Amino acid sequence: MKIQLLRHATCLISYQGKKILLDPMLSPAGALEAIPHVPNPAYNPLVELPANINLSDLLANLNAILVTHTHRDHFDNVALEILPKEIPLFCQPAD
C-alpha cells in the first residue's frame, strides 16, 4: 500500500493496482475563505497541489473517491464539479 499526501487532507491511496482519492480539495491555493474562529486565519487551500501531479491524469485513473466528511476543506466545490461522476464515491450516510 502507498499513501501519498497531496495537501491538507487530500491523499492518493494506491493498493493492488487500484487508486483511491481521499478527501479531494481541488481548488487553487488561496481560492477559499479562511476557516472561521481559528487563531491564524488564512485563505485555503494553503498550498497548490504538487507540481508533479497532473490533475487530468489523476482523475482519469481513479477507481474510487473516499470523503471522510463534507466540510469544504475535505471536499470542495471544484471537486464536486470536476470529479468523474461514474467513479464510486464513498462518504458518511448523512452526507
N, C-alpha and C. Protein backbone atom coordinates (compact mmCIF):
# COMPACT_ATOMS: atom_id res chain seq x y z
N MET A 1 0.85 -1.17 0.00
CA MET A 1 0.00 0.00 0.00
C MET A 1 0.90 1.23 0.00
N LYS A 2 0.48 2.23 -0.78
CA LYS A 2 1.19 3.50 -0.83
C LYS A 2 0.18 4.61 -0.55
N ILE A 3 0.51 5.49 0.38
CA ILE A 3 -0.33 6.65 0.69
C ILE A 3 0.49 7.89 0.40
N GLN A 4 0.01 8.70 -0.52
CA GLN A 4 0.71 9.92 -0.93
C GLN A 4 -0.10 11.13 -0.49
N LEU A 5 0.46 11.94 0.40
CA LEU A 5 -0.18 13.18 0.81
C LEU A 5 -0.03 14.19 -0.31
N LEU A 6 -1.16 14.72 -0.79
CA LEU A 6 -1.11 15.74 -1.84
C LEU A 6 -1.13 17.13 -1.21
N ARG A 7 -2.01 17.34 -0.25
CA ARG A 7 -2.05 18.56 0.58
C ARG A 7 -3.21 18.43 1.55
N HIS A 8 -3.09 19.13 2.67
CA HIS A 8 -4.10 19.14 3.73
C HIS A 8 -4.56 17.70 4.00
N ALA A 9 -5.80 17.37 3.73
CA ALA A 9 -6.29 16.01 3.96
C ALA A 9 -6.36 15.21 2.66
N THR A 10 -6.04 15.81 1.55
CA THR A 10 -6.14 15.14 0.25
C THR A 10 -4.97 14.18 0.06
N CYS A 11 -5.29 12.91 -0.12
CA CYS A 11 -4.28 11.87 -0.30
C CYS A 11 -4.67 10.98 -1.47
N LEU A 12 -3.66 10.35 -2.04
CA LEU A 12 -3.89 9.32 -3.05
C LEU A 12 -3.42 8.01 -2.46
N ILE A 13 -4.33 7.05 -2.38
CA ILE A 13 -4.03 5.73 -1.84
C ILE A 13 -3.94 4.77 -3.01
N SER A 14 -2.81 4.07 -3.12
CA SER A 14 -2.62 3.05 -4.16
C SER A 14 -2.48 1.70 -3.48
N TYR A 15 -3.28 0.73 -3.94
CA TYR A 15 -3.26 -0.59 -3.34
C TYR A 15 -3.65 -1.63 -4.38
N GLN A 16 -2.77 -2.57 -4.62
CA GLN A 16 -3.00 -3.66 -5.57
C GLN A 16 -3.53 -3.16 -6.91
N GLY A 17 -2.89 -2.13 -7.44
CA GLY A 17 -3.26 -1.60 -8.75
C GLY A 17 -4.47 -0.69 -8.77
N LYS A 18 -5.08 -0.45 -7.63
CA LYS A 18 -6.25 0.43 -7.53
C LYS A 18 -5.83 1.76 -6.93
N LYS A 19 -6.55 2.83 -7.32
CA LYS A 19 -6.25 4.17 -6.80
C LYS A 19 -7.51 4.79 -6.21
N ILE A 20 -7.38 5.27 -4.97
CA ILE A 20 -8.49 5.90 -4.25
C ILE A 20 -8.05 7.31 -3.87
N LEU A 21 -8.87 8.28 -4.21
CA LEU A 21 -8.61 9.66 -3.84
C LEU A 21 -9.35 9.95 -2.54
N LEU A 22 -8.63 10.39 -1.54
CA LEU A 22 -9.18 10.65 -0.22
C LEU A 22 -9.34 12.16 -0.02
N ASP A 23 -10.51 12.59 0.39
CA ASP A 23 -10.81 13.99 0.73
C ASP A 23 -10.30 14.99 -0.31
N PRO A 24 -10.88 14.96 -1.50
CA PRO A 24 -10.40 15.83 -2.58
C PRO A 24 -10.75 17.30 -2.36
N MET A 25 -9.74 18.09 -2.07
CA MET A 25 -9.84 19.55 -2.02
C MET A 25 -9.02 20.03 -3.21
N LEU A 26 -9.69 20.41 -4.29
CA LEU A 26 -9.01 20.62 -5.57
C LEU A 26 -8.96 22.07 -6.02
N SER A 27 -9.45 23.00 -5.22
CA SER A 27 -9.39 24.42 -5.57
C SER A 27 -7.94 24.90 -5.62
N PRO A 28 -7.67 25.94 -6.41
CA PRO A 28 -6.32 26.53 -6.39
C PRO A 28 -6.00 27.10 -5.01
N ALA A 29 -4.74 27.19 -4.69
CA ALA A 29 -4.31 27.75 -3.40
C ALA A 29 -4.91 29.14 -3.21
N GLY A 30 -5.45 29.39 -2.02
CA GLY A 30 -5.99 30.69 -1.68
C GLY A 30 -7.36 31.01 -2.25
N ALA A 31 -8.01 30.06 -2.89
CA ALA A 31 -9.30 30.33 -3.55
C ALA A 31 -10.47 30.37 -2.57
N LEU A 32 -10.32 29.78 -1.40
CA LEU A 32 -11.42 29.70 -0.44
C LEU A 32 -11.14 30.56 0.78
N GLU A 33 -12.20 31.13 1.34
CA GLU A 33 -12.05 31.95 2.53
C GLU A 33 -11.48 31.14 3.69
N ALA A 34 -10.91 31.85 4.63
CA ALA A 34 -10.33 31.21 5.81
C ALA A 34 -11.42 30.51 6.62
N ILE A 35 -11.03 29.48 7.30
CA ILE A 35 -11.93 28.79 8.21
C ILE A 35 -12.14 29.73 9.41
N PRO A 36 -13.39 29.98 9.78
CA PRO A 36 -13.64 30.93 10.87
C PRO A 36 -13.21 30.40 12.24
N HIS A 37 -12.93 31.32 13.12
CA HIS A 37 -12.65 31.02 14.53
C HIS A 37 -11.39 30.19 14.74
N VAL A 38 -10.37 30.45 13.93
CA VAL A 38 -9.08 29.79 14.14
C VAL A 38 -8.06 30.86 14.52
N PRO A 39 -7.00 30.51 15.24
CA PRO A 39 -6.05 31.50 15.72
C PRO A 39 -5.33 32.27 14.60
N ASN A 40 -5.01 31.60 13.51
CA ASN A 40 -4.27 32.23 12.41
C ASN A 40 -5.02 32.02 11.09
N PRO A 41 -6.08 32.79 10.86
CA PRO A 41 -6.87 32.56 9.64
C PRO A 41 -6.05 32.82 8.37
N ALA A 42 -6.25 31.97 7.39
CA ALA A 42 -5.59 32.11 6.09
C ALA A 42 -6.52 31.54 5.03
N TYR A 43 -6.46 32.13 3.83
CA TYR A 43 -7.24 31.59 2.73
C TYR A 43 -6.78 30.17 2.43
N ASN A 44 -7.71 29.33 2.02
CA ASN A 44 -7.44 27.92 1.75
C ASN A 44 -7.63 27.59 0.28
N PRO A 45 -7.06 26.53 -0.19
CA PRO A 45 -6.00 25.74 0.41
C PRO A 45 -4.74 26.59 0.61
N LEU A 46 -3.92 26.19 1.54
CA LEU A 46 -2.72 26.96 1.85
C LEU A 46 -1.65 26.82 0.77
N VAL A 47 -1.60 25.69 0.10
CA VAL A 47 -0.59 25.43 -0.93
C VAL A 47 -1.26 24.85 -2.17
N GLU A 48 -0.57 24.95 -3.29
CA GLU A 48 -1.05 24.32 -4.53
C GLU A 48 -0.88 22.81 -4.43
N LEU A 49 -1.55 22.10 -5.30
CA LEU A 49 -1.28 20.67 -5.46
C LEU A 49 0.16 20.53 -5.92
N PRO A 50 0.83 19.42 -5.62
CA PRO A 50 2.22 19.25 -6.05
C PRO A 50 2.37 19.42 -7.56
N ALA A 51 3.48 20.02 -7.96
CA ALA A 51 3.73 20.31 -9.37
C ALA A 51 3.77 19.04 -10.22
N ASN A 52 4.15 17.92 -9.61
CA ASN A 52 4.25 16.67 -10.38
C ASN A 52 2.91 15.95 -10.52
N ILE A 53 1.84 16.53 -10.00
CA ILE A 53 0.50 15.93 -10.11
C ILE A 53 -0.24 16.57 -11.27
N ASN A 54 -0.54 15.77 -12.28
CA ASN A 54 -1.37 16.23 -13.39
C ASN A 54 -2.80 15.84 -13.04
N LEU A 55 -3.62 16.84 -12.77
CA LEU A 55 -4.98 16.59 -12.28
C LEU A 55 -5.80 15.76 -13.27
N SER A 56 -5.66 16.02 -14.55
CA SER A 56 -6.41 15.25 -15.56
C SER A 56 -6.02 13.77 -15.51
N ASP A 57 -4.72 13.49 -15.44
CA ASP A 57 -4.26 12.11 -15.36
C ASP A 57 -4.72 11.45 -14.06
N LEU A 58 -4.64 12.19 -12.97
CA LEU A 58 -5.06 11.67 -11.68
C LEU A 58 -6.53 11.25 -11.72
N LEU A 59 -7.38 12.12 -12.23
CA LEU A 59 -8.82 11.84 -12.26
C LEU A 59 -9.15 10.71 -13.23
N ALA A 60 -8.40 10.59 -14.31
CA ALA A 60 -8.67 9.56 -15.31
C ALA A 60 -8.34 8.16 -14.81
N ASN A 61 -7.49 8.06 -13.81
CA ASN A 61 -7.02 6.75 -13.35
C ASN A 61 -7.55 6.34 -11.98
N LEU A 62 -8.58 7.02 -11.49
CA LEU A 62 -9.13 6.69 -10.17
C LEU A 62 -10.09 5.51 -10.24
N ASN A 63 -10.11 4.74 -9.17
CA ASN A 63 -11.08 3.66 -9.03
C ASN A 63 -12.18 4.01 -8.04
N ALA A 64 -11.88 4.93 -7.11
CA ALA A 64 -12.87 5.33 -6.11
C ALA A 64 -12.45 6.64 -5.46
N ILE A 65 -13.43 7.27 -4.82
CA ILE A 65 -13.21 8.51 -4.07
C ILE A 65 -13.78 8.26 -2.68
N LEU A 66 -13.03 8.65 -1.66
CA LEU A 66 -13.47 8.50 -0.27
C LEU A 66 -13.47 9.87 0.38
N VAL A 67 -14.64 10.28 0.88
CA VAL A 67 -14.79 11.58 1.54
C VAL A 67 -15.13 11.31 3.00
N THR A 68 -14.24 11.70 3.91
CA THR A 68 -14.48 11.43 5.33
C THR A 68 -15.62 12.26 5.88
N HIS A 69 -15.75 13.49 5.41
CA HIS A 69 -16.87 14.36 5.75
C HIS A 69 -16.88 15.52 4.75
N THR A 70 -17.99 16.21 4.66
CA THR A 70 -18.15 17.18 3.57
C THR A 70 -17.85 18.62 3.96
N HIS A 71 -17.01 18.84 4.95
CA HIS A 71 -16.52 20.21 5.16
C HIS A 71 -15.70 20.58 3.93
N ARG A 72 -15.74 21.84 3.56
CA ARG A 72 -15.12 22.23 2.29
C ARG A 72 -13.60 22.07 2.27
N ASP A 73 -12.97 21.89 3.44
CA ASP A 73 -11.53 21.63 3.43
C ASP A 73 -11.22 20.14 3.22
N HIS A 74 -12.27 19.34 3.01
CA HIS A 74 -12.11 17.92 2.68
C HIS A 74 -12.82 17.56 1.38
N PHE A 75 -13.75 18.39 0.95
CA PHE A 75 -14.48 18.15 -0.31
C PHE A 75 -15.03 19.50 -0.74
N ASP A 76 -14.38 20.13 -1.71
CA ASP A 76 -14.76 21.49 -2.09
C ASP A 76 -15.60 21.50 -3.37
N ASN A 77 -16.03 22.68 -3.75
CA ASN A 77 -16.89 22.82 -4.94
C ASN A 77 -16.18 22.42 -6.22
N VAL A 78 -14.88 22.65 -6.32
CA VAL A 78 -14.14 22.24 -7.52
C VAL A 78 -14.17 20.72 -7.62
N ALA A 79 -13.96 20.03 -6.52
CA ALA A 79 -14.03 18.56 -6.54
C ALA A 79 -15.42 18.10 -6.97
N LEU A 80 -16.44 18.71 -6.40
CA LEU A 80 -17.82 18.35 -6.76
C LEU A 80 -18.06 18.53 -8.26
N GLU A 81 -17.49 19.57 -8.81
CA GLU A 81 -17.70 19.89 -10.23
C GLU A 81 -16.91 18.99 -11.17
N ILE A 82 -15.64 18.70 -10.85
CA ILE A 82 -14.78 18.05 -11.85
C ILE A 82 -14.57 16.56 -11.64
N LEU A 83 -14.90 16.02 -10.48
CA LEU A 83 -14.69 14.59 -10.30
C LEU A 83 -15.60 13.81 -11.24
N PRO A 84 -15.06 12.79 -11.91
CA PRO A 84 -15.88 11.99 -12.81
C PRO A 84 -17.05 11.34 -12.06
N LYS A 85 -18.24 11.52 -12.58
CA LYS A 85 -19.45 11.05 -11.89
C LYS A 85 -19.61 9.53 -11.93
N GLU A 86 -18.89 8.86 -12.82
CA GLU A 86 -19.02 7.41 -12.91
C GLU A 86 -18.13 6.67 -11.90
N ILE A 87 -17.26 7.40 -11.20
CA ILE A 87 -16.39 6.78 -10.21
C ILE A 87 -17.14 6.69 -8.88
N PRO A 88 -17.14 5.52 -8.23
CA PRO A 88 -17.84 5.40 -6.95
C PRO A 88 -17.28 6.38 -5.92
N LEU A 89 -18.18 7.02 -5.18
CA LEU A 89 -17.81 7.95 -4.12
C LEU A 89 -18.38 7.42 -2.81
N PHE A 90 -17.51 7.22 -1.84
CA PHE A 90 -17.92 6.70 -0.54
C PHE A 90 -17.85 7.82 0.48
N CYS A 91 -18.92 7.95 1.29
CA CYS A 91 -19.00 9.02 2.29
C CYS A 91 -19.89 8.58 3.43
N GLN A 92 -20.02 9.44 4.42
CA GLN A 92 -20.91 9.18 5.54
C GLN A 92 -22.35 9.16 5.05
N PRO A 93 -23.22 8.33 5.61
CA PRO A 93 -24.62 8.29 5.15
C PRO A 93 -25.32 9.64 5.17
N ALA A 94 -25.04 10.46 6.17
CA ALA A 94 -25.71 11.77 6.26
C ALA A 94 -25.27 12.74 5.17
N ASP A 95 -24.11 12.49 4.57
CA ASP A 95 -23.59 13.37 3.53
C ASP A 95 -24.08 12.96 2.16
